[in-house]
Amino acid sequence: MSRKGRHPAREKHTVPAPPLSPGIDAGEVKRKVTHIGVGCFALALRFLTPAQAALCAIAAFVFNWQILPRIGGKSMWRSEEIAKGRARGILIYPLSVLGLILVFHDRLWMAAAIWGLLALGDGMASIIGQALRGPSLPWNDSKGWLGFIAFVLFGTLAAFGLAVWTKPDLDPARAFGVALALSFLTALVESMDTTLDDNLTVPAAGAILLPLLFALGAPGPNAMGIEVRIAQGLIVNALFAWLALRSKSIDTMGALSAVLIGTVITASFGLQGFALMAGFFLVGSTVTKLGYARKAALGIAQEKGGARGWRNAFANGGIPALLALFGLLSQEPAHTAYLIAYAAAVATAAADTCSSEIGKAYGKRTFLITTFRPVPAGTEGAVSVEGTLGGLFGSAFIASLGVLTGLFHAEGALVVTLAGFLGALAESVIGTVAEKRGWLENHGLNALNTAIGAAIATGIGLLLR
């Protein structure tokens, strides 16, 4: 498997309405105020049955589809929506709410909380972010810190308020903590450089994260000695980052990011857990330099001479670090499940990197995994026999480290190997479509495929129970 690491240029959204401020226009304000106002209907989830709530969401979809455009709704459409004759966002919104109601039919307070995030958090992020702008986010120049902060602030208030309103017996302190964590994590998802609609990405991320966050509790027995593990993590990761800097395998910001990610992992799973991430970095750096001259000549080599930056660090280590943190805050058997999911996420990153770099360096014939059509090496979604075998090696290498360090036994290693390999294959399939449609850039795809690998490992674990 191999990739170019680039995505097509994104078309900027423009609206012909007169501007209210240097960064926002009247049509967009009207659109977002309506977006926020519809969230008030989430208050009704306290009194409705799941069936009644689902029927209301279906009715809202039909209204937005057939009636709203005929009674002045087109005044809120963006210019490209007018050109196409349809508005995608106002149709996805009620469908996302319907999905939340169906998924959380027995816990409608969760549907209400995520709806609040979508309505007030995302809505206020757009209004404040576009009106005031401020400094841009380092990972997405088209969005700013003020919008990100607005999402977290208003999203937390909306998610917390609707959760305790819909289910009054919730512990307020716990509900607020969960709402804050949920808002921060979904704000990260919303701020990613993607053409996917926020009305889809925000509720989808919320639906995955909220049950996981709510299931967390106070640190269990596995948190004993955390102070020592934090100190170990800082020392070992600082040394590791310094050596990586000296070898030019990572740049300065990448090194600082690696220290943060590695310390979180070490605090959660000890030095044995960190060994997996260190193993990924070592094998990834090695295969990146294999055949580098050939890859550079073809224009498909890793930038900066193969040195990884902070984007690489978080793209490959962000999900594993989050899973490690969840493991720290979990009791058995959830702790072990998070450990296996963490290992699978790292194995997926290793499989993806090995398959990509080995395939680009030594792949004799590369073809799209979705159509088997021959394509040049480096094409997003392209695979080769050599790269595929390299991916299997990378996944098995991480799994073997887990056995050698005593993190899990042979059965766990088989799960990690299979999940890592399948996760990397899934990324090749998704990457083919994502590049063509501009859904995600390369770092976003890397983060997604580590999450897919973790999810596959979790699914296998449930089947084996």
Protein backbone atom coordinates (compact mmCIF):
# COMPACT_ATOMS: atom_id res chain seq x y z
CA MET A 1 0.00 0.00 0.00
CA SER A 2 1.25 3.46 -0.79
CA ARG A 3 0.05 7.03 -0.85
CA LYS A 4 0.84 10.42 -2.25
CA GLY A 5 0.01 12.19 0.98
CA ARG A 6 -1.87 14.96 -0.80
CA HIS A 7 -5.49 15.70 -1.54
CA PRO A 8 -7.18 17.81 -4.19
CA ALA A 9 -7.61 21.50 -3.55
CA ARG A 10 -10.78 22.30 -1.67
CA GLU A 11 -13.40 24.57 -3.19
CA LYS A 12 -14.10 27.52 -0.93
CA HIS A 13 -17.70 28.16 0.11
CA THR A 14 -18.95 31.60 -0.86
CA VAL A 15 -22.33 33.21 -0.30
CA PRO A 16 -23.50 36.23 -2.24
CA ALA A 17 -25.28 37.83 0.75
CA PRO A 18 -23.90 41.16 2.05
CA PRO A 19 -21.28 40.80 4.79
CA LEU A 20 -22.11 41.68 8.41
CA SER A 21 -18.45 41.68 9.41
CA PRO A 22 -15.10 41.11 7.75
CA GLY A 23 -15.53 37.33 7.96
CA ILE A 24 -19.23 36.45 7.93
CA ASP A 25 -22.29 37.29 5.87
CA ALA A 26 -25.99 37.61 6.55
CA GLY A 27 -26.91 34.35 4.80
CA GLU A 28 -24.48 32.33 6.88
CA VAL A 29 -25.69 33.96 10.12
CA LYS A 30 -29.28 33.12 9.22
CA ARG A 31 -28.26 29.58 8.40
CA LYS A 32 -26.42 29.07 11.69
CA VAL A 33 -29.10 30.73 13.84
CA THR A 34 -31.61 28.31 12.34
CA HIS A 35 -29.11 25.48 12.90
CA ILE A 36 -28.88 26.42 16.58
CA GLY A 37 -32.61 27.05 17.00
CA VAL A 38 -33.54 23.59 15.72
CA GLY A 39 -31.50 22.19 18.60
CA CYS A 40 -34.19 23.46 20.98
CA PHE A 41 -36.33 20.54 19.83
CA ALA A 42 -33.91 18.29 21.71
CA LEU A 43 -35.69 19.44 24.88
CA ALA A 44 -38.67 17.35 23.77
CA LEU A 45 -36.68 14.11 24.08
CA ARG A 46 -37.45 14.14 27.80
CA PHE A 47 -41.12 13.56 27.05
CA LEU A 48 -41.09 11.53 23.82
CA THR A 49 -40.80 7.80 23.34
CA PRO A 50 -38.03 6.63 20.97
CA ALA A 51 -40.63 5.86 18.28
CA GLN A 52 -42.21 9.30 18.59
CA ALA A 53 -38.80 10.98 18.48
CA ALA A 54 -37.82 8.99 15.37
CA LEU A 55 -41.08 9.96 13.61
CA CYS A 56 -40.40 13.63 14.41
CA ALA A 57 -36.90 13.36 12.90
CA ILE A 58 -38.32 11.74 9.76
CA ALA A 59 -40.93 14.51 9.53
CA ALA A 60 -38.16 17.11 9.87
CA PHE A 61 -36.25 15.49 7.01
CA VAL A 62 -39.31 15.54 4.75
CA PHE A 63 -39.98 19.17 5.71
CA ASN A 64 -36.41 20.24 4.92
CA TRP A 65 -36.46 18.28 1.67
CA GLN A 66 -39.84 19.19 0.20
CA ILE A 67 -41.33 22.17 2.02
CA LEU A 68 -38.57 24.44 3.32
CA PRO A 69 -37.13 25.27 -0.14
CA ARG A 70 -40.61 26.37 -1.28
CA ILE A 71 -41.21 28.78 1.62
CA GLY A 72 -38.00 30.78 1.52
CA GLY A 73 -35.47 28.22 2.72
CA LYS A 74 -33.27 28.79 -0.31
CA SER A 75 -32.23 32.15 1.14
CA MET A 76 -30.00 30.17 3.51
CA TRP A 77 -28.38 28.10 0.77
CA ARG A 78 -24.76 28.62 -0.17
CA SER A 79 -23.86 29.56 -3.72
CA GLU A 80 -22.70 26.07 -4.70
CA GLU A 81 -25.91 24.61 -3.26
CA ILE A 82 -27.96 27.00 -5.38
CA ALA A 83 -25.96 25.94 -8.44
CA LYS A 84 -26.59 22.26 -7.71
CA GLY A 85 -30.26 22.82 -6.85
CA ARG A 86 -30.03 21.11 -3.46
CA ALA A 87 -28.69 21.77 0.03
CA ARG A 88 -26.89 18.83 1.56
CA GLY A 89 -26.48 20.04 5.14
CA ILE A 90 -30.16 20.63 5.95
CA LEU A 91 -30.90 17.06 4.85
CA ILE A 92 -28.01 15.44 6.72
CA TYR A 93 -28.94 17.27 9.95
CA PRO A 94 -32.31 15.51 10.58
CA LEU A 95 -30.91 12.21 9.32
CA SER A 96 -28.08 12.47 11.84
CA VAL A 97 -30.58 13.20 14.61
CA LEU A 98 -32.62 10.19 13.48
CA GLY A 99 -29.48 8.06 13.62
CA LEU A 100 -28.75 9.26 17.17
CA ILE A 101 -32.28 8.43 18.27
CA LEU A 102 -32.09 4.93 16.78
CA VAL A 103 -28.64 4.22 18.23
CA PHE A 104 -29.49 5.58 21.68
CA HIS A 105 -33.17 4.56 21.78
CA ASP A 106 -32.68 3.27 25.32
CA ARG A 107 -30.58 6.30 26.38
CA LEU A 108 -32.20 9.30 24.75
CA TRP A 109 -30.25 11.62 27.04
CA MET A 110 -27.13 10.70 25.04
CA ALA A 111 -28.91 11.57 21.79
CA ALA A 112 -29.94 14.89 23.36
CA ALA A 113 -26.39 15.66 24.53
CA ILE A 114 -24.86 15.00 21.11
CA TRP A 115 -27.65 16.96 19.42
CA GLY A 116 -26.72 19.88 21.68
CA LEU A 117 -23.11 19.61 20.55
CA LEU A 118 -24.20 19.62 16.93
CA ALA A 119 -26.60 22.54 17.35
CA LEU A 120 -24.99 24.99 19.76
CA GLY A 121 -21.35 23.86 19.73
CA ASP A 122 -20.93 23.62 15.96
CA GLY A 123 -23.25 26.57 15.31
CA MET A 124 -21.46 29.00 17.62
CA ALA A 125 -18.07 27.79 16.41
CA SER A 126 -19.04 28.80 12.87
CA ILE A 127 -20.49 32.19 13.87
CA ILE A 128 -17.65 33.23 16.20
CA GLY A 129 -14.94 31.62 14.11
CA GLN A 130 -16.02 33.36 10.92
CA ALA A 131 -16.99 36.70 12.50
CA LEU A 132 -13.90 37.19 14.67
CA ARG A 133 -11.51 34.81 12.91
CA GLY A 134 -8.40 35.21 15.10
CA PRO A 135 -5.28 33.06 14.74
CA SER A 136 -5.63 29.95 12.60
CA LEU A 137 -5.34 26.42 13.92
CA PRO A 138 -1.94 24.90 13.16
CA TRP A 139 -3.53 21.82 11.62
CA ASN A 140 -6.15 23.65 9.53
CA ASP A 141 -5.56 27.17 8.20
CA SER A 142 -9.23 27.57 7.28
CA LYS A 143 -10.36 27.44 10.92
CA GLY A 144 -9.31 29.47 13.95
CA TRP A 145 -8.71 29.10 17.66
CA LEU A 146 -11.67 31.32 18.58
CA GLY A 147 -14.06 29.02 16.75
CA PHE A 148 -12.46 25.98 18.38
CA ILE A 149 -12.80 27.51 21.86
CA ALA A 150 -16.40 28.50 21.11
CA PHE A 151 -17.20 24.91 20.13
CA VAL A 152 -15.78 23.56 23.40
CA LEU A 153 -17.47 26.21 25.57
CA PHE A 154 -20.94 26.22 24.04
CA GLY A 155 -20.82 22.52 23.20
CA THR A 156 -20.09 21.67 26.82
CA LEU A 157 -22.96 23.83 28.10
CA ALA A 158 -25.41 22.41 25.56
CA ALA A 159 -24.39 18.76 26.02
CA PHE A 160 -24.44 19.05 29.81
CA GLY A 161 -27.71 20.98 29.98
CA LEU A 162 -29.62 18.69 27.62
CA ALA A 163 -28.22 15.54 29.26
CA VAL A 164 -29.34 16.47 32.79
CA TRP A 165 -32.63 17.88 31.46
CA THR A 166 -33.46 14.67 29.61
CA LYS A 167 -32.25 12.42 32.45
CA PRO A 168 -32.53 14.38 35.72
CA ASP A 169 -30.99 11.63 37.87
CA LEU A 170 -27.57 11.96 36.23
CA ASP A 171 -24.74 12.91 38.56
CA PRO A 172 -24.15 16.59 37.62
CA ALA A 173 -20.41 16.59 38.32
CA ARG A 174 -19.80 13.47 36.26
CA ALA A 175 -22.11 14.64 33.48
CA PHE A 176 -20.26 17.96 33.24
CA GLY A 177 -16.86 16.27 33.11
CA VAL A 178 -18.03 13.93 30.37
CA ALA A 179 -19.62 16.82 28.44
CA LEU A 180 -16.38 18.81 28.61
CA ALA A 181 -14.24 15.90 27.39
CA LEU A 182 -16.77 15.09 24.67
CA SER A 183 -16.87 18.70 23.48
CA PHE A 184 -13.09 18.94 23.30
CA LEU A 185 -12.68 15.70 21.35
CA THR A 186 -15.52 16.43 18.92
CA ALA A 187 -14.14 19.95 18.44
CA LEU A 188 -10.92 18.32 17.27
CA VAL A 189 -12.90 16.21 14.81
CA GLU A 190 -14.88 19.24 13.60
CA SER A 191 -11.67 21.21 13.05
CA MET A 192 -10.05 18.61 10.80
CA ASP A 193 -9.28 19.56 7.20
CA THR A 194 -12.09 17.70 5.47
CA THR A 195 -14.91 18.32 3.02
CA LEU A 196 -17.24 16.02 4.96
CA ASP A 197 -20.26 17.83 6.39
CA ASP A 198 -20.08 18.77 10.08
CA ASN A 199 -23.68 17.62 10.42
CA LEU A 200 -22.31 14.13 9.83
CA THR A 201 -18.85 14.13 11.41
CA VAL A 202 -19.82 15.76 14.73
CA PRO A 203 -22.72 13.42 15.62
CA ALA A 204 -20.80 10.38 14.34
CA ALA A 205 -17.81 11.19 16.53
CA GLY A 206 -20.08 12.00 19.46
CA ALA A 207 -21.94 8.70 19.10
CA ILE A 208 -18.67 6.79 19.34
CA LEU A 209 -17.08 8.84 22.11
CA LEU A 210 -19.94 9.54 24.52
CA PRO A 211 -20.59 5.90 25.57
CA LEU A 212 -16.85 5.35 25.99
CA LEU A 213 -16.42 8.48 28.09
CA PHE A 214 -19.47 7.78 30.23
CA ALA A 215 -18.24 4.25 30.95
CA LEU A 216 -14.99 5.60 32.40
CA GLY A 217 -14.64 5.93 36.14
CA ALA A 218 -12.02 6.72 38.72
CA PRO A 219 -8.62 5.17 38.02
CA GLY A 220 -8.57 1.53 39.13
CA PRO A 221 -5.78 -0.65 40.51
CA ASN A 222 -3.89 -0.19 37.24
CA ALA A 223 -3.34 3.46 38.26
CA MET A 224 -1.17 2.45 41.22
CA GLY A 225 2.31 3.89 40.85
CA ILE A 226 1.26 6.34 38.16
CA GLU A 227 3.64 8.99 39.52
CA VAL A 228 6.59 6.69 38.90
CA ARG A 229 5.35 5.81 35.42
CA ILE A 230 4.93 9.50 34.53
CA ALA A 231 8.50 10.19 35.63
CA GLN A 232 9.73 7.17 33.68
CA GLY A 233 7.77 8.32 30.65
CA LEU A 234 9.22 11.81 30.70
CA ILE A 235 12.81 10.58 31.09
CA VAL A 236 12.64 7.73 28.59
CA ASN A 237 10.67 9.66 25.99
CA ALA A 238 12.91 12.72 26.28
CA LEU A 239 15.96 10.50 25.69
CA PHE A 240 14.24 8.70 22.84
CA ALA A 241 13.22 12.02 21.23
CA TRP A 242 16.75 13.40 21.59
CA LEU A 243 18.20 10.35 19.82
CA ALA A 244 15.59 10.67 17.08
CA LEU A 245 16.50 14.33 16.64
CA ARG A 246 20.18 13.45 16.38
CA SER A 247 19.43 10.84 13.72
CA LYS A 248 17.19 13.34 11.86
CA SER A 249 14.26 10.92 12.04
CA ILE A 250 12.08 13.61 13.62
CA ASP A 251 12.01 17.40 13.80
CA THR A 252 11.80 19.55 16.94
CA MET A 253 8.01 19.87 17.12
CA GLY A 254 7.70 16.20 16.29
CA ALA A 255 10.03 15.39 19.17
CA LEU A 256 8.02 17.45 21.66
CA SER A 257 4.80 15.83 20.44
CA ALA A 258 6.35 12.38 20.76
CA VAL A 259 7.37 13.11 24.36
CA LEU A 260 3.78 14.09 25.21
CA ILE A 261 2.22 11.08 23.48
CA GLY A 262 4.81 8.65 24.81
CA THR A 263 4.45 9.91 28.39
CA VAL A 264 0.67 9.44 28.29
CA ILE A 265 1.14 5.90 27.02
CA THR A 266 3.83 5.10 29.59
CA ALA A 267 1.69 6.49 32.41
CA SER A 268 -1.15 4.24 31.30
CA PHE A 269 0.50 0.97 30.24
CA GLY A 270 4.02 1.32 31.58
CA LEU A 271 7.29 1.03 29.69
CA GLN A 272 6.00 -2.22 28.16
CA GLY A 273 3.20 -0.27 26.52
CA PHE A 274 5.58 2.43 25.35
CA ALA A 275 7.81 -0.25 23.81
CA LEU A 276 5.14 -0.81 21.14
CA MET A 277 5.11 2.85 20.14
CA ALA A 278 8.91 2.96 20.21
CA GLY A 279 8.96 -0.14 18.03
CA PHE A 280 6.62 1.51 15.56
CA PHE A 281 8.82 4.59 15.38
CA LEU A 282 11.97 2.54 14.84
CA VAL A 283 10.52 0.30 12.15
CA GLY A 284 8.73 3.25 10.54
CA SER A 285 11.89 5.36 10.41
CA THR A 286 13.84 2.43 9.00
CA VAL A 287 11.45 1.61 6.17
CA THR A 288 11.05 5.32 5.35
CA LYS A 289 14.77 5.52 4.57
CA LEU A 290 14.73 2.31 2.50
CA GLY A 291 15.10 3.20 -1.16
CA TYR A 292 14.74 6.89 -0.28
CA ALA A 293 16.70 8.06 -3.33
CA ARG A 294 14.33 6.20 -5.66
CA LYS A 295 11.26 7.51 -3.85
CA ALA A 296 12.63 11.05 -3.93
CA ALA A 297 13.29 10.80 -7.66
CA LEU A 298 9.69 9.72 -8.21
CA GLY A 299 8.40 12.55 -5.97
CA ILE A 300 6.74 10.17 -3.50
CA ALA A 301 9.25 10.28 -0.63
CA GLN A 302 8.47 11.45 2.89
CA GLU A 303 9.11 15.19 3.13
CA LYS A 304 12.08 16.72 4.98
CA GLY A 305 14.36 13.79 4.24
CA GLY A 306 12.10 11.39 6.10
CA ALA A 307 12.02 13.40 9.34
CA ARG A 308 8.61 13.10 11.02
CA GLY A 309 6.86 16.21 12.34
CA TRP A 310 4.19 16.85 14.94
CA ARG A 311 1.44 16.12 12.43
CA ASN A 312 2.90 12.66 11.85
CA ALA A 313 3.22 12.14 15.60
CA PHE A 314 -0.41 12.93 16.35
CA ALA A 315 -1.75 11.27 13.21
CA ASN A 316 -0.18 7.95 14.21
CA GLY A 317 -0.04 8.37 17.98
CA GLY A 318 -3.10 10.44 18.87
CA ILE A 319 -5.64 7.58 18.84
CA PRO A 320 -3.27 5.15 20.63
CA ALA A 321 -2.63 7.77 23.33
CA LEU A 322 -6.38 8.33 23.76
CA LEU A 323 -6.99 4.58 24.06
CA ALA A 324 -4.18 4.35 26.60
CA LEU A 325 -5.77 7.12 28.64
CA PHE A 326 -9.13 5.32 28.50
CA GLY A 327 -7.36 2.18 29.69
CA LEU A 328 -5.91 4.06 32.65
CA LEU A 329 -9.41 5.16 33.70
CA SER A 330 -10.99 1.71 33.29
CA GLN A 331 -11.46 -1.36 35.43
CA GLU A 332 -11.10 -4.93 34.19
CA PRO A 333 -12.12 -6.32 31.73
CA ALA A 334 -12.33 -2.93 29.97
CA HIS A 335 -8.69 -2.19 30.83
CA THR A 336 -7.49 -5.25 28.90
CA ALA A 337 -9.83 -4.44 26.01
CA TYR A 338 -8.33 -0.96 25.74
CA LEU A 339 -4.83 -2.46 25.93
CA ILE A 340 -5.52 -4.76 22.96
CA ALA A 341 -7.20 -1.90 21.07
CA TYR A 342 -4.16 0.31 21.74
CA ALA A 343 -1.78 -2.37 20.49
CA ALA A 344 -3.94 -2.88 17.39
CA ALA A 345 -3.93 0.86 16.66
CA VAL A 346 -0.12 0.92 16.84
CA ALA A 347 0.06 -2.25 14.72
CA THR A 348 -2.18 -0.60 12.13
CA ALA A 349 0.08 2.44 11.97
CA ALA A 350 3.11 0.17 11.59
CA ALA A 351 1.42 -1.95 8.92
CA ASP A 352 0.34 1.13 7.00
CA THR A 353 3.78 2.76 7.15
CA CYS A 354 5.66 -0.43 6.26
CA SER A 355 3.33 -1.29 3.40
CA SER A 356 3.46 2.25 2.03
CA GLU A 357 7.21 2.76 2.25
CA ILE A 358 8.22 -0.76 1.17
CA GLY A 359 5.68 -0.70 -1.64
CA LYS A 360 6.99 2.64 -2.91
CA ALA A 361 10.60 1.48 -2.69
CA TYR A 362 10.37 -2.07 -3.99
CA GLY A 363 6.89 -2.59 -5.41
CA LYS A 364 7.19 -3.88 -8.98
CA ARG A 365 3.53 -3.69 -9.86
CA THR A 366 1.09 -1.40 -8.06
CA PHE A 367 -2.65 -1.35 -8.58
CA LEU A 368 -5.72 0.14 -6.93
CA ILE A 369 -7.16 -2.17 -4.33
CA THR A 370 -10.71 -1.22 -5.33
CA THR A 371 -10.44 -1.82 -9.09
CA PHE A 372 -7.14 -3.71 -9.55
CA ARG A 373 -6.26 -1.13 -12.21
CA PRO A 374 -2.48 -0.61 -12.55
CA VAL A 375 -1.39 2.80 -11.21
CA PRO A 376 1.95 4.52 -10.48
CA ALA A 377 3.65 3.85 -7.17
CA GLY A 378 2.61 6.41 -4.56
CA THR A 379 -0.98 6.66 -5.74
CA GLU A 380 -3.43 6.86 -2.84
CA GLY A 381 -4.99 3.44 -2.32
CA ALA A 382 -2.40 1.63 -4.44
CA VAL A 383 -1.12 -1.76 -3.27
CA SER A 384 1.60 -4.15 -4.32
CA VAL A 385 2.58 -7.65 -3.27
CA GLU A 386 5.80 -6.35 -1.74
CA GLY A 387 4.01 -3.57 0.14
CA THR A 388 1.27 -5.90 1.39
CA LEU A 389 3.83 -8.34 2.77
CA GLY A 390 5.62 -5.38 4.36
CA GLY A 391 2.36 -4.37 6.04
CA LEU A 392 1.90 -7.87 7.45
CA PHE A 393 5.46 -7.74 8.78
CA GLY A 394 4.84 -4.37 10.46
CA SER A 395 1.69 -5.57 12.17
CA ALA A 396 3.28 -8.86 13.31
CA PHE A 397 6.35 -7.00 14.57
CA ILE A 398 4.27 -4.85 16.94
CA ALA A 399 2.27 -7.88 18.09
CA SER A 400 5.49 -9.78 18.79
CA LEU A 401 6.76 -6.90 20.90
CA GLY A 402 3.58 -7.12 22.94
CA VAL A 403 4.26 -10.78 23.69
CA LEU A 404 7.95 -10.23 24.43
CA THR A 405 7.19 -7.42 26.89
CA GLY A 406 4.44 -9.43 28.59
CA LEU A 407 1.57 -7.13 27.64
CA PHE A 408 -0.50 -10.00 26.26
CA HIS A 409 -0.23 -13.65 25.26
CA ALA A 410 -0.17 -15.37 21.87
CA GLU A 411 -3.94 -15.14 21.44
CA GLY A 412 -3.79 -11.38 21.90
CA ALA A 413 -0.90 -11.19 19.43
CA LEU A 414 -2.97 -12.94 16.76
CA VAL A 415 -5.80 -10.46 17.28
CA VAL A 416 -3.41 -7.50 17.13
CA THR A 417 -1.68 -8.80 14.00
CA LEU A 418 -4.93 -9.46 12.15
CA ALA A 419 -6.55 -6.18 13.24
CA GLY A 420 -3.49 -4.15 12.29
CA PHE A 421 -3.22 -5.75 8.87
CA LEU A 422 -6.95 -5.41 8.12
CA GLY A 423 -6.93 -1.81 9.38
CA ALA A 424 -4.17 -0.92 6.94
CA LEU A 425 -6.04 -2.63 4.09
CA ALA A 426 -9.21 -0.74 5.01
CA GLU A 427 -7.30 2.53 4.87
CA SER A 428 -6.23 1.74 1.31
CA VAL A 429 -9.85 1.24 0.30
CA ILE A 430 -11.02 4.40 2.08
CA GLY A 431 -8.04 6.40 0.85
CA THR A 432 -8.92 5.75 -2.79
CA VAL A 433 -12.33 7.36 -2.36
CA ALA A 434 -11.22 10.00 0.14
CA GLU A 435 -8.53 11.40 -2.16
CA LYS A 436 -10.86 11.58 -5.14
CA ARG A 437 -13.55 13.43 -3.18
CA GLY A 438 -11.24 15.41 -0.91
CA TRP A 439 -12.77 14.03 2.28
CA LEU A 440 -9.57 13.78 4.30
CA GLU A 441 -5.93 14.70 3.91
CA ASN A 442 -3.16 12.22 4.56
CA HIS A 443 -2.74 12.80 8.31
CA GLY A 444 -6.48 12.52 8.84
CA LEU A 445 -6.46 9.20 6.98
CA ASN A 446 -3.61 7.95 9.17
CA ALA A 447 -5.54 8.79 12.32
CA LEU A 448 -8.68 7.18 10.93
CA ASN A 449 -6.96 3.94 10.06
CA THR A 450 -5.52 3.57 13.59
CA ALA A 451 -9.07 3.95 14.90
CA ILE A 452 -10.28 1.34 12.41
CA GLY A 453 -7.59 -1.11 13.54
CA ALA A 454 -8.58 -0.58 17.18
CA ALA A 455 -12.26 -1.10 16.32
CA ILE A 456 -11.49 -4.32 14.43
CA ALA A 457 -9.53 -5.67 17.42
CA THR A 458 -12.42 -4.80 19.72
CA GLY A 459 -14.88 -6.54 17.40
CA ILE A 460 -12.71 -9.67 17.24
CA GLY A 461 -12.43 -9.64 21.01
CA LEU A 462 -16.21 -9.52 21.40
CA LEU A 463 -16.62 -12.43 18.98
CA LEU A 464 -14.12 -14.53 20.91
CA ARG A 465 -15.86 -14.05 24.24
